[in-house]
Amino acid sequence: KLGFPVKDAEDVVAAFQAQSDLYREVVVKLLRNPSAPEFLDGLEWLRDEVTARDVGAFFYAGHGMNDRDNDFYFLTREAVPDRLRRTAVPYLEVKKTLGALPSKVLAFIDACHSGNAMGGRRGVADINAVASDLAAAENGVVVFTSSTGNQFSLEDEAWRNGAFTKALVEGINGQADLISDGRITIAELEAWIADRVKKLTRNQQTPTTTRPPAISDFPIAVTR
């Protein structure tokens, strides 16, 4: 059982909602421990909401799992590991949604971190293929993931967050402004998260960022 996925999502939402100096409006649909149909409804809402003038974003904190065919699934509250096709959300549904958005798109995936204090672990799914595939989609998605390959992702009672989410929220809230120009770009956020997560987990976890070649660096937050 994960300890903090709902708080992870709430903290990320709060960080972006505070970015009113950069975005005219931040519109959010927050799903707390959704069922598979509710997750799919959320994807449909995102596709209906985002226009070419926006920056679309997707955040997921929870478990991910590959089935026997090596297809990746996002686990929802009723997920049964032996019946993923009927009880979980296939990655391809997320890919179709994000790839169809007409805007710049960010995806933050804090998947498979442990439900116990630091050092607790569970089975893992390799998220590298998901990140690479999303970035290679027709419109391209900038993908931040919590770990690399088959590493475990970690959370801690002291933080009440996954290490990746803690670093992400800190970065958006200003600590990723590495050159002190008042703006936080994709590249700065990537560098901040990579260094911060390694320190938080004592080099047990290595986050990754995958950016389509056609998408240049751009600001996603400003300091207040």
Protein backbone atom coordinates (compact mmCIF):
# COMPACT_ATOMS: atom_id res chain seq x y z
CA LYS A 1 0.00 0.00 0.00
CA LEU A 2 1.37 3.39 -0.93
CA GLY A 3 1.48 5.99 1.80
CA PHE A 4 1.23 9.31 0.01
CA PRO A 5 0.01 9.26 -3.62
CA VAL A 6 -2.97 11.51 -2.88
CA LYS A 7 -0.78 14.01 -1.06
CA ASP A 8 1.73 13.79 -3.92
CA ALA A 9 -0.97 14.83 -6.40
CA GLU A 10 -2.38 17.53 -4.12
CA ASP A 11 1.07 19.05 -3.58
CA VAL A 12 1.84 19.13 -7.32
CA VAL A 13 -1.55 20.73 -8.02
CA ALA A 14 -0.90 23.39 -5.37
CA ALA A 15 2.54 24.15 -6.82
CA PHE A 16 1.15 24.75 -10.30
CA GLN A 17 -1.89 26.65 -9.06
CA ALA A 18 0.49 29.12 -7.43
CA GLN A 19 1.92 29.92 -10.88
CA SER A 20 -0.59 32.66 -11.66
CA ASP A 21 2.24 35.01 -12.71
CA LEU A 22 3.05 32.73 -15.65
CA TYR A 23 -0.30 31.17 -16.50
CA ARG A 24 -3.46 33.24 -16.83
CA GLU A 25 -5.43 30.34 -15.39
CA VAL A 26 -4.55 26.91 -14.02
CA VAL A 27 -7.42 24.47 -14.55
CA VAL A 28 -7.11 21.18 -12.69
CA LYS A 29 -8.94 17.88 -12.43
CA LEU A 30 -7.64 16.06 -9.36
CA LEU A 31 -8.44 12.35 -9.06
CA ARG A 32 -7.92 10.81 -5.63
CA ASN A 33 -7.56 7.03 -5.80
CA PRO A 34 -9.67 6.73 -8.98
CA SER A 35 -11.28 3.67 -10.48
CA ALA A 36 -10.32 2.75 -14.04
CA PRO A 37 -13.47 4.41 -15.49
CA GLU A 38 -12.77 7.57 -13.47
CA PHE A 39 -9.17 7.59 -14.71
CA LEU A 40 -10.38 7.30 -18.30
CA ASP A 41 -12.93 10.05 -17.72
CA GLY A 42 -10.07 12.23 -16.50
CA LEU A 43 -8.14 11.60 -19.71
CA GLU A 44 -11.22 12.54 -21.73
CA TRP A 45 -11.59 15.74 -19.69
CA LEU A 46 -7.94 16.64 -20.41
CA ARG A 47 -8.42 16.12 -24.13
CA ASP A 48 -11.54 18.31 -24.14
CA GLU A 49 -9.98 21.05 -22.01
CA VAL A 50 -6.57 21.71 -23.55
CA THR A 51 -6.20 24.09 -26.51
CA ALA A 52 -3.22 25.03 -28.66
CA ARG A 53 -2.62 28.09 -26.43
CA ASP A 54 -2.18 26.00 -23.28
CA VAL A 55 0.45 23.82 -21.65
CA GLY A 56 -1.14 20.46 -20.91
CA ALA A 57 0.13 18.43 -17.95
CA PHE A 58 -0.44 14.90 -16.65
CA PHE A 59 0.72 13.75 -13.21
CA TYR A 60 0.48 10.23 -11.84
CA ALA A 61 1.58 8.90 -8.46
CA GLY A 62 0.96 5.23 -7.84
CA HIS A 63 1.84 1.75 -8.97
CA GLY A 64 2.65 0.70 -12.50
CA MET A 65 2.89 -2.86 -13.75
CA ASN A 66 3.76 -4.73 -16.93
CA ASP A 67 1.61 -7.68 -17.93
CA ARG A 68 2.92 -10.94 -19.39
CA ASP A 69 3.06 -9.31 -22.83
CA ASN A 70 5.18 -6.50 -21.34
CA ASP A 71 2.41 -3.92 -21.81
CA PHE A 72 2.43 -1.22 -19.12
CA TYR A 73 -0.64 -0.44 -16.99
CA PHE A 74 -1.43 2.30 -14.52
CA LEU A 75 -3.01 0.63 -11.50
CA THR A 76 -6.25 2.05 -10.13
CA ARG A 77 -8.05 1.26 -6.90
CA GLU A 78 -9.73 -1.93 -8.13
CA ALA A 79 -6.72 -3.24 -10.07
CA VAL A 80 -6.06 -6.98 -9.94
CA PRO A 81 -2.53 -7.91 -11.03
CA ASP A 82 -3.70 -11.07 -12.82
CA ARG A 83 -6.49 -9.21 -14.66
CA LEU A 84 -4.88 -5.96 -15.72
CA ARG A 85 -6.75 -5.65 -19.04
CA ARG A 86 -10.06 -5.52 -17.21
CA THR A 87 -9.13 -3.73 -14.00
CA ALA A 88 -6.35 -1.21 -14.80
CA VAL A 89 -5.68 1.55 -17.34
CA PRO A 90 -3.41 0.63 -20.26
CA TYR A 91 -0.56 2.99 -21.02
CA LEU A 92 -1.82 3.27 -24.61
CA GLU A 93 -4.88 5.20 -23.39
CA VAL A 94 -2.60 7.77 -21.81
CA LYS A 95 -0.44 7.89 -24.93
CA LYS A 96 -3.44 8.47 -27.19
CA THR A 97 -4.67 11.30 -25.02
CA LEU A 98 -1.39 13.11 -24.53
CA GLY A 99 -0.32 12.60 -28.14
CA ALA A 100 -3.58 14.15 -29.37
CA LEU A 101 -3.25 17.36 -27.35
CA PRO A 102 -2.56 20.39 -29.58
CA SER A 103 -0.34 22.10 -26.99
CA LYS A 104 3.00 21.59 -25.37
CA VAL A 105 2.58 18.64 -23.01
CA LEU A 106 4.31 17.65 -19.78
CA ALA A 107 3.99 14.26 -18.09
CA PHE A 108 5.21 13.58 -14.56
CA ILE A 109 5.16 9.92 -13.53
CA ASP A 110 6.04 8.98 -9.94
CA ALA A 111 5.28 5.30 -10.33
CA CYS A 112 6.07 2.31 -8.13
CA HIS A 113 7.52 4.08 -5.12
CA SER A 114 7.27 2.12 -1.89
CA GLY A 115 4.45 2.35 0.60
CA ASN A 116 6.73 2.08 3.62
CA ALA A 117 9.33 4.37 5.07
CA MET A 118 12.58 4.87 3.19
CA GLY A 119 13.90 1.50 2.16
CA GLY A 120 10.51 -0.18 1.81
CA ARG A 121 10.08 -1.69 -1.64
CA ARG A 122 7.65 -3.38 -3.96
CA GLY A 123 7.79 -4.93 -7.42
CA VAL A 124 8.79 -2.55 -10.18
CA ALA A 125 7.97 -1.93 -13.81
CA ASP A 126 10.46 -0.55 -16.29
CA ILE A 127 9.18 2.94 -17.18
CA ASN A 128 11.94 3.75 -19.71
CA ALA A 129 10.00 2.40 -22.68
CA VAL A 130 6.94 4.42 -21.69
CA ALA A 131 8.92 7.66 -21.48
CA SER A 132 10.68 7.09 -24.79
CA ASP A 133 7.44 6.20 -26.54
CA LEU A 134 5.61 9.26 -25.23
CA ALA A 135 8.42 11.56 -26.29
CA ALA A 136 8.38 9.99 -29.76
CA ALA A 137 4.61 10.38 -30.19
CA GLU A 138 3.37 12.56 -33.04
CA ASN A 139 3.20 15.78 -31.04
CA GLY A 140 5.85 14.79 -28.51
CA VAL A 141 5.60 14.88 -24.73
CA VAL A 142 8.23 16.02 -22.25
CA VAL A 143 8.31 13.16 -19.74
CA PHE A 144 9.72 13.30 -16.21
CA THR A 145 9.87 9.91 -14.48
CA SER A 146 10.75 9.07 -10.91
CA SER A 147 13.37 6.41 -11.61
CA THR A 148 15.25 4.66 -14.34
CA GLY A 149 15.06 1.11 -15.63
CA ASN A 150 14.04 -1.35 -12.95
CA GLN A 151 14.98 0.80 -9.96
CA PHE A 152 12.60 1.14 -7.05
CA SER A 153 11.08 4.54 -6.39
CA LEU A 154 11.02 5.61 -2.77
CA GLU A 155 8.94 7.63 -0.34
CA ASP A 156 9.51 8.58 3.27
CA GLU A 157 7.31 9.29 6.27
CA ALA A 158 9.52 12.29 7.06
CA TRP A 159 8.62 13.92 3.73
CA ARG A 160 5.12 12.49 3.31
CA ASN A 161 5.89 12.40 -0.41
CA GLY A 162 7.69 10.30 -2.94
CA ALA A 163 11.26 11.54 -3.38
CA PHE A 164 10.54 12.49 -6.99
CA THR A 165 7.39 14.44 -6.10
CA LYS A 166 9.15 16.23 -3.26
CA ALA A 167 11.89 17.35 -5.65
CA LEU A 168 9.36 18.35 -8.31
CA VAL A 169 7.33 20.49 -5.91
CA GLU A 170 10.45 22.14 -4.49
CA GLY A 171 11.64 22.89 -8.00
CA ILE A 172 8.36 24.42 -9.19
CA ASN A 173 8.21 26.47 -5.98
CA GLY A 174 11.47 28.18 -6.88
CA GLN A 175 14.44 26.02 -5.99
CA ALA A 176 15.01 24.97 -9.61
CA ASP A 177 15.77 28.55 -10.64
CA LEU A 178 19.40 27.56 -11.00
CA ILE A 179 20.61 30.72 -12.76
CA SER A 180 18.49 33.08 -10.64
CA ASP A 181 16.71 34.77 -13.53
CA GLY A 182 13.20 34.33 -12.11
CA ARG A 183 12.26 31.56 -14.54
CA ILE A 184 12.35 27.78 -14.24
CA THR A 185 12.80 25.98 -17.53
CA ILE A 186 12.49 22.33 -18.47
CA ALA A 187 16.28 21.95 -18.41
CA GLU A 188 16.60 23.60 -15.00
CA LEU A 189 13.83 21.48 -13.52
CA GLU A 190 15.46 18.36 -14.95
CA ALA A 191 18.81 19.23 -13.40
CA TRP A 192 17.27 20.10 -10.02
CA ILE A 193 15.19 16.91 -9.80
CA ALA A 194 18.10 14.69 -10.84
CA ASP A 195 20.42 16.07 -8.19
CA ARG A 196 17.80 16.39 -5.43
CA VAL A 197 16.39 12.87 -5.78
CA LYS A 198 19.85 11.32 -5.71
CA LYS A 199 20.57 13.18 -2.47
CA LEU A 200 17.20 12.34 -0.89
CA THR A 201 17.58 8.65 -1.67
CA ARG A 202 21.34 8.39 -1.14
CA ASN A 203 21.86 7.45 -4.79
CA GLN A 204 19.27 4.66 -4.72
CA GLN A 205 17.03 6.35 -7.30
CA THR A 206 17.82 8.11 -10.57
CA PRO A 207 15.00 10.13 -12.15
CA THR A 208 14.94 10.66 -15.89
CA THR A 209 13.67 13.30 -18.29
CA THR A 210 12.89 12.53 -21.92
CA ARG A 211 12.33 15.48 -24.25
CA PRO A 212 11.43 15.27 -27.94
CA PRO A 213 14.20 16.74 -30.12
CA ALA A 214 11.77 19.17 -31.76
CA ILE A 215 10.78 20.78 -28.45
CA SER A 216 13.18 23.48 -27.30
CA ASP A 217 13.67 24.47 -23.69
CA PHE A 218 10.90 26.67 -22.32
CA PRO A 219 9.83 28.10 -18.92
CA ILE A 220 7.20 26.18 -16.99
CA ALA A 221 7.31 28.20 -13.77
CA VAL A 222 8.47 31.55 -12.41
CA THR A 223 9.74 32.46 -8.97
CA ARG A 224 7.64 34.64 -6.70
